[in-house]
Amino acid sequence: MDALGKGGLFWWNFSPRGHRHRSRRKPKSSSSESVNVQGRGWSLADFPLKQAAVAASLVLTGDTVAQVRDRWVAHRRGKPDSENKGITSVLLSHDWLRALRMASYGFLLYGPGSYAWYQFLDHCMPKQTLVNLSLKVLLNQIVLGPCVIAVVFAWNNFWLGKLSQLPSKYQKDALPTLLYGFRFWIPVSILNFGVVPLAARVAFMSSCSIFWNFYLSTTMSR
């Protein structure tokens, strides 16, 4: 449980209201290594950098697979002047802005957010019982799943400057994506909560999500 840190539940370390630790006042430091937020006890050192980086790299992998697959399908359906030229186009004509959108989502949102979520579930249900496992899987699907889909659609449309089209995007793709995700994520969540230790859960889920990110990236680019 060292991954939880000394601060407790979330990586931003909430402090209970009305509870103050008695400590001697220390002179203010001019160091810029950490930024403390008054009243919340948050510092940059608490940011789950490892989980965020793993999530970003694996989200980027899923998006890369989706892009290469889309270009390969378009290449096979078309009639390029030469086979070699067509393959070169498939490999080199990469949408780097789209890749950056997905990677930044993994680093800034999915990695830290899912890590905090798994800490919260383990704090509320620390015992590995069948009931707790079932509740974690259920909450993962009805809480985390819709949140992830809502956030990634909004993040993508924000980068594209199409926030006005977000309601129609939700109406068209959100529910089918969520229902399709149930078939994939329920078995993965059972393994995640039943077998994988807390410190490795973001990495495990992100690894499994290479397939999911492939599907999600394809859905968002339509």
Protein backbone atom coordinates (compact mmCIF):
# COMPACT_ATOMS: atom_id res chain seq x y z
CA MET A 1 0.00 0.00 0.00
CA ASP A 2 3.01 2.33 -0.30
CA ALA A 3 1.51 3.64 -3.52
CA LEU A 4 -1.14 5.41 -1.49
CA GLY A 5 1.47 7.65 0.09
CA LYS A 6 1.41 9.04 3.58
CA GLY A 7 -1.28 11.55 2.75
CA GLY A 8 -4.13 9.03 2.61
CA LEU A 9 -6.90 8.61 0.09
CA PHE A 10 -6.41 10.77 -2.99
CA TRP A 11 -3.18 11.93 -4.61
CA TRP A 12 -4.21 15.51 -3.89
CA ASN A 13 -4.67 14.59 -0.21
CA PHE A 14 -7.87 16.07 1.11
CA SER A 15 -7.70 17.27 4.69
CA PRO A 16 -10.75 16.68 6.92
CA ARG A 17 -12.62 19.85 7.79
CA GLY A 18 -12.11 21.23 11.22
CA HIS A 19 -9.02 19.11 11.85
CA ARG A 20 -5.75 20.95 12.19
CA HIS A 21 -2.37 19.56 13.03
CA ARG A 22 -0.37 21.48 15.56
CA SER A 23 2.97 22.35 14.15
CA ARG A 24 5.53 25.04 14.49
CA ARG A 25 5.42 27.76 11.93
CA LYS A 26 8.19 27.54 9.40
CA PRO A 27 9.48 30.42 7.32
CA LYS A 28 8.09 30.55 3.82
CA SER A 29 10.37 28.90 1.29
CA SER A 30 11.10 30.51 -2.04
CA SER A 31 11.66 27.15 -3.67
CA SER A 32 9.53 26.46 -6.75
CA GLU A 33 9.78 22.67 -6.44
CA SER A 34 6.31 22.36 -5.02
CA VAL A 35 3.18 24.47 -5.07
CA ASN A 36 0.97 24.16 -2.01
CA VAL A 37 -2.71 24.94 -2.26
CA GLN A 38 -3.97 26.45 0.98
CA GLY A 39 -6.63 24.41 2.71
CA ARG A 40 -6.18 21.29 0.58
CA GLY A 41 -2.63 20.19 1.28
CA TRP A 42 -1.82 19.58 -2.40
CA SER A 43 1.64 19.67 -3.91
CA LEU A 44 3.05 18.84 -7.30
CA ALA A 45 5.04 16.03 -5.70
CA ASP A 46 1.72 14.22 -5.07
CA PHE A 47 0.83 14.10 -8.76
CA PRO A 48 0.83 10.44 -9.92
CA LEU A 49 3.40 11.04 -12.64
CA LYS A 50 4.12 7.38 -13.29
CA GLN A 51 0.45 6.44 -13.72
CA ALA A 52 -0.17 9.52 -15.89
CA ALA A 53 2.81 8.75 -18.14
CA VAL A 54 1.81 5.09 -18.52
CA ALA A 55 -1.77 6.05 -19.36
CA ALA A 56 -0.62 8.65 -21.91
CA SER A 57 1.74 6.25 -23.67
CA LEU A 58 -0.85 3.48 -23.90
CA VAL A 59 -3.63 5.83 -25.04
CA LEU A 60 -1.21 7.07 -27.69
CA THR A 61 -0.53 3.48 -28.73
CA GLY A 62 -4.25 2.79 -29.14
CA ASP A 63 -4.70 5.93 -31.22
CA THR A 64 -1.68 5.07 -33.39
CA VAL A 65 -3.10 1.61 -34.10
CA ALA A 66 -6.44 3.19 -35.01
CA GLN A 67 -4.84 5.71 -37.36
CA VAL A 68 -2.66 3.14 -39.13
CA ARG A 69 -5.63 0.80 -39.51
CA ASP A 70 -7.82 3.58 -40.98
CA ARG A 71 -5.13 4.59 -43.46
CA TRP A 72 -4.45 0.98 -44.40
CA VAL A 73 -8.14 0.33 -45.09
CA ALA A 74 -8.32 3.52 -47.20
CA HIS A 75 -5.19 2.42 -49.06
CA ARG A 76 -6.59 -1.04 -49.81
CA ARG A 77 -9.83 0.41 -51.11
CA GLY A 78 -8.11 3.00 -53.28
CA LYS A 79 -5.82 2.61 -56.28
CA PRO A 80 -2.47 4.28 -55.55
CA ASP A 81 0.03 4.86 -58.37
CA SER A 82 2.46 2.39 -56.86
CA GLU A 83 2.40 -0.11 -54.03
CA ASN A 84 5.51 1.29 -52.35
CA LYS A 85 4.22 4.83 -52.46
CA GLY A 86 0.95 3.72 -50.93
CA ILE A 87 2.61 1.90 -48.02
CA THR A 88 4.87 4.89 -47.34
CA SER A 89 1.81 7.12 -47.21
CA VAL A 90 0.13 4.77 -44.75
CA LEU A 91 3.11 4.86 -42.40
CA LEU A 92 4.10 8.52 -42.63
CA SER A 93 0.86 10.51 -43.00
CA HIS A 94 0.17 10.53 -39.27
CA ASP A 95 -2.25 13.00 -37.65
CA TRP A 96 -0.03 14.30 -34.87
CA LEU A 97 -2.60 16.77 -33.53
CA ARG A 98 -5.05 13.93 -33.04
CA ALA A 99 -2.28 11.92 -31.34
CA LEU A 100 -1.53 14.87 -29.05
CA ARG A 101 -5.20 15.19 -28.14
CA MET A 102 -5.36 11.56 -27.07
CA ALA A 103 -2.01 11.56 -25.25
CA SER A 104 -2.83 14.72 -23.30
CA TYR A 105 -6.17 13.21 -22.31
CA GLY A 106 -4.36 10.16 -20.93
CA PHE A 107 -1.72 12.18 -19.09
CA LEU A 108 -3.85 14.98 -17.65
CA LEU A 109 -7.22 13.30 -17.15
CA TYR A 110 -7.45 9.53 -17.41
CA GLY A 111 -4.22 8.61 -15.61
CA PRO A 112 -4.62 10.80 -12.51
CA GLY A 113 -8.41 10.48 -12.44
CA SER A 114 -8.54 6.70 -12.61
CA TYR A 115 -5.72 6.39 -10.05
CA ALA A 116 -7.70 8.55 -7.60
CA TRP A 117 -10.82 6.52 -8.35
CA TYR A 118 -9.15 3.20 -7.57
CA GLN A 119 -7.74 4.62 -4.34
CA PHE A 120 -11.23 5.76 -3.38
CA LEU A 121 -12.73 2.32 -4.03
CA ASP A 122 -9.97 0.58 -2.06
CA HIS A 123 -10.41 3.00 0.82
CA CYS A 124 -14.17 2.40 0.97
CA MET A 125 -13.97 -1.37 0.38
CA PRO A 126 -10.54 -2.58 1.50
CA LYS A 127 -11.46 -6.26 2.03
CA GLN A 128 -11.24 -8.66 -0.91
CA THR A 129 -14.69 -10.20 -0.57
CA LEU A 130 -17.11 -11.27 -3.29
CA VAL A 131 -19.52 -8.49 -2.33
CA ASN A 132 -16.82 -5.82 -2.46
CA LEU A 133 -15.50 -7.14 -5.77
CA SER A 134 -18.99 -7.08 -7.27
CA LEU A 135 -19.61 -3.54 -6.00
CA LYS A 136 -16.31 -2.29 -7.41
CA VAL A 137 -17.04 -3.79 -10.81
CA LEU A 138 -20.57 -2.35 -10.78
CA LEU A 139 -19.41 1.13 -9.73
CA ASN A 140 -16.65 1.04 -12.31
CA GLN A 141 -19.24 0.53 -15.04
CA ILE A 142 -21.98 2.91 -13.91
CA VAL A 143 -19.74 5.72 -12.59
CA LEU A 144 -16.27 5.62 -14.14
CA GLY A 145 -17.40 4.37 -17.56
CA PRO A 146 -19.87 7.18 -18.31
CA CYS A 147 -17.45 9.76 -16.87
CA VAL A 148 -14.61 8.58 -19.12
CA ILE A 149 -16.80 8.66 -22.23
CA ALA A 150 -18.22 12.09 -21.37
CA VAL A 151 -14.79 13.57 -20.67
CA VAL A 152 -12.99 12.14 -23.69
CA PHE A 153 -15.74 13.29 -26.07
CA ALA A 154 -15.68 16.77 -24.52
CA TRP A 155 -11.86 16.90 -24.59
CA ASN A 156 -11.78 15.93 -28.27
CA ASN A 157 -14.46 18.42 -29.30
CA PHE A 158 -12.78 21.18 -27.26
CA TRP A 159 -9.50 20.67 -29.13
CA LEU A 160 -11.35 20.65 -32.45
CA GLY A 161 -13.28 23.83 -31.58
CA LYS A 162 -16.58 21.97 -31.90
CA LEU A 163 -18.05 22.27 -28.41
CA SER A 164 -21.36 23.37 -29.95
CA GLN A 165 -21.60 19.92 -31.58
CA LEU A 166 -20.97 18.08 -28.31
CA PRO A 167 -24.67 17.46 -27.44
CA SER A 168 -25.28 15.80 -30.82
CA LYS A 169 -22.08 13.76 -30.40
CA TYR A 170 -23.32 12.50 -27.03
CA GLN A 171 -26.73 11.70 -28.48
CA LYS A 172 -25.27 9.82 -31.43
CA ASP A 173 -22.31 7.92 -29.94
CA ALA A 174 -22.27 8.02 -26.13
CA LEU A 175 -24.82 5.31 -25.34
CA PRO A 176 -23.67 2.83 -28.04
CA THR A 177 -20.06 3.32 -26.90
CA LEU A 178 -21.01 2.74 -23.27
CA LEU A 179 -23.01 -0.42 -24.03
CA TYR A 180 -20.23 -1.76 -26.23
CA GLY A 181 -17.78 -1.02 -23.45
CA PHE A 182 -19.74 -3.09 -20.92
CA ARG A 183 -18.96 -6.27 -22.85
CA PHE A 184 -15.25 -5.54 -22.75
CA TRP A 185 -14.72 -3.81 -19.40
CA ILE A 186 -16.77 -6.00 -17.07
CA PRO A 187 -14.45 -9.05 -17.43
CA VAL A 188 -11.39 -6.76 -17.35
CA SER A 189 -12.64 -5.04 -14.19
CA ILE A 190 -13.16 -8.39 -12.45
CA LEU A 191 -9.51 -9.24 -13.10
CA ASN A 192 -8.40 -5.73 -12.17
CA PHE A 193 -10.04 -5.67 -8.75
CA GLY A 194 -9.68 -9.36 -7.98
CA VAL A 195 -6.06 -9.99 -8.93
CA VAL A 196 -4.09 -6.82 -9.76
CA PRO A 197 -2.55 -4.82 -6.86
CA LEU A 198 -3.57 -1.18 -6.44
CA ALA A 199 -0.26 0.30 -7.62
CA ALA A 200 -0.51 -1.57 -10.94
CA ARG A 201 -4.20 -1.06 -11.70
CA VAL A 202 -3.85 2.04 -13.86
CA ALA A 203 -1.14 0.32 -15.91
CA PHE A 204 -3.20 -2.87 -16.25
CA MET A 205 -6.37 -1.03 -17.26
CA SER A 206 -4.41 1.20 -19.63
CA SER A 207 -2.79 -1.85 -21.23
CA CYS A 208 -6.21 -3.42 -21.76
CA SER A 209 -7.47 -0.11 -23.04
CA ILE A 210 -5.16 -0.21 -26.08
CA PHE A 211 -8.00 -2.11 -27.76
CA TRP A 212 -10.59 0.19 -26.23
CA ASN A 213 -8.69 3.34 -27.24
CA PHE A 214 -8.50 1.96 -30.76
CA TYR A 215 -12.30 1.70 -30.77
CA LEU A 216 -12.77 5.05 -28.99
CA SER A 217 -10.38 6.93 -31.26
CA THR A 218 -12.14 5.48 -34.30
CA THR A 219 -15.52 6.51 -32.87
CA MET A 220 -14.41 10.08 -32.18
CA SER A 221 -12.92 10.56 -35.63
CA ARG A 222 -16.15 9.69 -37.42
